[in-house]
Protein backbone atom coordinates (compact mmCIF):
# COMPACT_ATOMS: atom_id res chain seq x y z
CA MET A 1 -8.26 -12.77 16.10
CA LYS A 2 -7.67 -16.37 17.15
CA ASN A 3 -5.36 -19.14 15.92
CA ILE A 4 -3.35 -16.70 13.78
CA LYS A 5 -0.27 -18.14 12.10
CA SER A 6 0.33 -15.51 9.41
CA ILE A 7 -0.21 -11.75 9.09
CA ILE A 8 -0.66 -9.80 5.86
CA PHE A 9 0.10 -6.09 6.15
CA ASP A 10 -0.91 -3.24 3.91
CA LEU A 11 1.87 -0.69 3.31
CA GLY A 12 0.50 2.85 2.90
CA GLY A 13 -1.61 4.02 5.82
CA VAL A 14 -0.63 1.04 7.98
CA LEU A 15 3.17 0.88 8.01
CA LEU A 16 4.13 3.85 5.84
CA ASN A 17 2.59 7.20 6.74
CA ILE A 18 0.85 8.76 3.75
CA SER A 19 -1.27 11.81 2.97
CA TYR A 20 -3.69 11.55 0.06
CA GLN A 21 -4.49 15.22 0.61
CA ASN A 22 -0.92 16.24 -0.28
CA THR A 23 -1.31 14.74 -3.75
CA ILE A 24 -4.88 16.02 -4.16
CA ASP A 25 -3.70 19.56 -3.36
CA LYS A 26 -0.75 19.35 -5.75
CA PHE A 27 -2.92 17.95 -8.55
CA LYS A 28 -5.27 20.88 -8.04
CA LYS A 29 -2.38 23.32 -8.41
CA LEU A 30 -1.46 21.62 -11.68
CA GLY A 31 -4.93 22.41 -13.01
CA ILE A 32 -6.71 19.10 -12.51
CA ASP A 33 -10.44 19.78 -12.09
CA ASN A 34 -12.16 17.97 -9.21
CA SER A 35 -8.81 16.64 -8.02
CA SER A 36 -10.38 14.96 -4.97
CA SER A 37 -12.50 12.71 -7.21
CA PHE A 38 -9.71 12.36 -9.79
CA TYR A 39 -7.61 10.67 -7.11
CA SER A 40 -8.45 9.91 -3.49
CA LYS A 41 -8.57 7.03 -1.02
CA LYS A 42 -12.19 6.25 -1.92
CA GLU A 43 -12.28 6.87 -5.68
CA GLN A 44 -9.92 7.47 -8.56
CA ASN A 45 -9.62 7.77 -12.30
CA ASN A 46 -8.99 4.47 -14.12
CA ILE A 47 -5.51 5.70 -15.04
CA PHE A 48 -4.42 4.82 -11.52
CA ASN A 49 -6.00 1.37 -11.62
CA HIS A 50 -4.19 0.55 -14.86
CA PHE A 51 -0.89 1.83 -13.46
CA GLU A 52 -1.18 -0.03 -10.18
CA CYS A 53 -1.94 -3.28 -12.00
CA GLY A 54 1.20 -2.88 -14.10
CA GLU A 55 -0.80 -2.44 -17.30
CA ILE A 56 0.95 0.82 -18.27
CA THR A 57 4.50 2.08 -17.73
CA GLY A 58 5.52 5.02 -15.58
CA GLU A 59 6.15 7.08 -18.70
CA LYS A 60 2.68 6.30 -20.06
CA PHE A 61 1.16 7.13 -16.68
CA VAL A 62 2.81 10.57 -16.65
CA ARG A 63 1.65 11.27 -20.22
CA GLU A 64 -1.93 10.34 -19.27
CA ILE A 65 -1.86 12.66 -16.26
CA GLN A 66 -0.50 15.46 -18.45
CA LYS A 67 -3.70 15.33 -20.50
CA HIS A 68 -5.59 16.53 -17.41
CA CYS A 69 -3.12 19.27 -16.46
CA ASN A 70 -2.23 22.73 -17.70
CA ASN A 71 0.88 21.75 -19.67
CA SER A 72 2.62 20.46 -16.56
CA ALA A 73 6.13 19.07 -16.93
CA PRO A 74 6.77 15.39 -16.08
CA LYS A 75 8.87 16.49 -13.09
CA GLN A 76 5.89 18.41 -11.66
CA ILE A 77 3.59 15.43 -12.06
CA LEU A 78 6.07 13.09 -10.38
CA SER A 79 6.42 15.55 -7.50
CA ALA A 80 2.64 15.74 -7.08
CA TRP A 81 2.21 11.97 -7.30
CA ASN A 82 4.97 11.30 -4.74
CA ALA A 83 3.82 14.05 -2.36
CA MET A 84 1.62 11.59 -0.48
CA LEU A 85 4.55 9.47 0.69
CA LEU A 86 5.79 10.46 4.15
CA ASP A 87 7.81 8.34 6.59
CA LEU A 88 8.01 4.86 8.09
CA PRO A 89 8.37 5.15 11.89
CA LYS A 90 11.00 3.05 13.63
CA ASN A 91 8.48 1.55 16.08
CA ARG A 92 6.70 -0.16 13.18
CA ILE A 93 9.96 -1.71 12.02
CA ASN A 94 10.45 -2.94 15.57
CA LEU A 95 6.95 -4.41 15.49
CA LEU A 96 7.70 -6.40 12.34
CA ASN A 97 10.97 -7.67 13.80
CA SER A 98 9.13 -8.89 16.89
CA LEU A 99 6.20 -10.44 15.03
CA LYS A 100 8.32 -12.40 12.58
CA GLU A 101 9.69 -14.46 15.48
CA LYS A 102 6.22 -15.96 15.96
CA TYR A 103 4.34 -15.45 12.68
CA GLN A 104 4.86 -15.54 8.96
CA ILE A 105 4.48 -11.94 7.80
CA PHE A 106 3.59 -10.70 4.31
CA LEU A 107 3.17 -7.36 2.59
CA LEU A 108 0.33 -6.82 0.10
CA SER A 109 0.15 -3.31 -1.33
CA ASN A 110 -1.68 -1.50 -4.10
CA THR A 111 1.25 0.47 -5.46
CA ASN A 112 3.31 1.28 -8.54
CA GLU A 113 6.86 1.59 -9.82
CA ILE A 114 7.08 5.36 -9.22
CA HIS A 115 6.00 5.12 -5.59
CA ILE A 116 8.24 2.16 -4.83
CA ASN A 117 11.24 3.97 -6.31
CA LYS A 118 10.42 7.03 -4.18
CA PHE A 119 9.89 4.85 -1.09
CA GLN A 120 13.36 3.38 -1.61
CA ASN A 121 14.79 6.89 -1.88
CA ILE A 122 13.03 7.98 1.33
CA MET A 123 14.38 5.03 3.31
CA GLY A 124 17.72 4.69 1.56
CA GLU A 125 18.64 1.59 -0.40
CA LYS A 126 20.19 -0.29 2.53
CA GLU A 127 17.29 0.34 4.94
CA TYR A 128 14.72 -0.41 2.24
CA HIS A 129 16.24 -3.83 1.60
CA LYS A 130 16.29 -4.54 5.34
CA PHE A 131 12.59 -3.64 5.45
CA TYR A 132 11.78 -5.72 2.35
CA ASN A 133 13.57 -8.75 3.75
CA LEU A 134 11.63 -8.64 7.02
CA PHE A 135 8.71 -10.23 5.17
CA ASN A 136 8.39 -13.84 4.10
CA LYS A 137 7.18 -12.42 0.80
CA VAL A 138 6.26 -9.01 -0.62
CA TYR A 139 3.42 -8.57 -3.10
CA TYR A 140 3.12 -5.27 -4.98
CA SER A 141 0.04 -4.89 -7.18
CA HIS A 142 1.97 -3.60 -10.21
CA GLU A 143 4.12 -6.74 -10.10
CA ILE A 144 1.37 -9.33 -9.53
CA GLY A 145 -1.22 -7.72 -11.84
CA PHE A 146 -4.02 -7.55 -9.25
CA ARG A 147 -5.21 -4.83 -6.89
CA LYS A 148 -7.06 -5.15 -3.63
CA PRO A 149 -9.96 -5.64 -3.04
CA ASN A 150 -9.96 -8.15 -5.93
CA VAL A 151 -10.02 -11.61 -4.34
CA GLU A 152 -7.36 -12.73 -6.84
CA SER A 153 -4.75 -10.73 -4.92
CA PHE A 154 -5.61 -12.52 -1.67
CA HIS A 155 -5.86 -15.90 -3.41
CA LEU A 156 -2.33 -15.42 -4.72
CA VAL A 157 -0.86 -14.85 -1.26
CA LEU A 158 -2.75 -17.80 0.22
CA ASP A 159 -2.01 -20.23 -2.59
CA LYS A 160 1.67 -19.38 -3.11
CA ASN A 161 2.38 -19.82 0.60
CA ASN A 162 0.01 -22.68 1.44
CA LEU A 163 -1.88 -20.55 3.95
CA LYS A 164 -5.28 -21.36 5.41
CA ALA A 165 -7.51 -18.28 5.27
CA LYS A 166 -8.88 -18.81 8.78
CA GLU A 167 -5.32 -18.76 10.17
CA VAL A 168 -4.42 -15.45 8.47
CA LEU A 169 -4.87 -11.91 9.79
CA PHE A 170 -5.07 -9.08 7.24
CA ILE A 171 -4.50 -5.47 8.39
CA ASP A 172 -5.54 -2.60 6.12
CA ASP A 173 -6.86 0.96 6.43
CA SER A 174 -9.36 0.73 3.54
CA PRO A 175 -12.78 -0.80 4.31
CA GLN A 176 -13.24 -2.07 0.74
CA HIS A 177 -9.99 -4.05 1.01
CA ILE A 178 -11.10 -5.52 4.32
CA GLU A 179 -14.34 -6.69 2.68
CA GLY A 180 -12.37 -8.35 -0.14
CA ALA A 181 -10.34 -10.38 2.35
CA LYS A 182 -13.43 -11.36 4.33
CA LYS A 183 -14.91 -12.97 1.22
CA LEU A 184 -12.23 -15.65 1.50
CA GLY A 185 -12.64 -16.15 5.23
CA ILE A 186 -9.48 -14.27 6.17
CA GLN A 187 -9.52 -12.69 9.62
CA THR A 188 -9.25 -8.91 9.34
CA TYR A 189 -8.48 -5.75 11.25
CA HIS A 190 -9.58 -2.39 9.85
CA LEU A 191 -7.02 0.18 11.04
CA GLN A 192 -8.67 3.55 11.59
CA GLY A 193 -7.14 6.82 10.44
CA ASN A 194 -6.13 7.93 13.93
CA GLU A 195 -4.96 4.49 15.05
CA GLU A 196 -1.39 3.25 15.41
CA VAL A 197 -0.76 -0.29 14.12
CA THR A 198 1.56 -1.17 17.02
CA THR A 199 -1.36 -0.84 19.47
CA ILE A 200 -3.01 -3.90 17.91
CA PHE A 201 -0.27 -5.99 19.49
CA PRO A 202 0.01 -4.77 23.10
CA GLY A 203 3.24 -5.71 24.84
CA ILE A 204 5.07 -6.51 21.58
CA VAL A 205 6.71 -3.12 21.07
CA GLN A 206 8.09 -1.06 23.93
């Protein structure tokens, strides 16, 4: 990780604590067969890809999930879908505040309108906007129309901000996303499941 001028962060699993298992378990209770293959970190039904690329609305997404459930109400599906979202520790906010003094920082997340609305509710509107404004620019997949690991998502961040790939560090917890960034020559750091992102930058956060 040399000559870094900009850092691209993933959101879920890097900054925001998440639990895929929470949603898998809740989907199972709603009657979804093979819920771990229906939706997980490694594989998922195409419904989720379409939703996270902004190709279908939240209402359409819920209706599609209902087809796989035992007559579950929309409220139950939303609860199951949002169950994975946990908290955003203060030390990671402190990290971003420290890093932005030296680097351009960006957020690139595979996400959707339902999760972002819930994330705002978890943080509170005021704190969410503070978090959002820490970044030079935020890129959510459902708004830009591309998901990682598609190289188009990385191209967009590089091109819109005149970044040189070799001067960019990308931090993500999914190996397939790391491989997508590497295709463009972006420097990468694969954050492991038991690893804390602040430890990548020793001495930055007390």
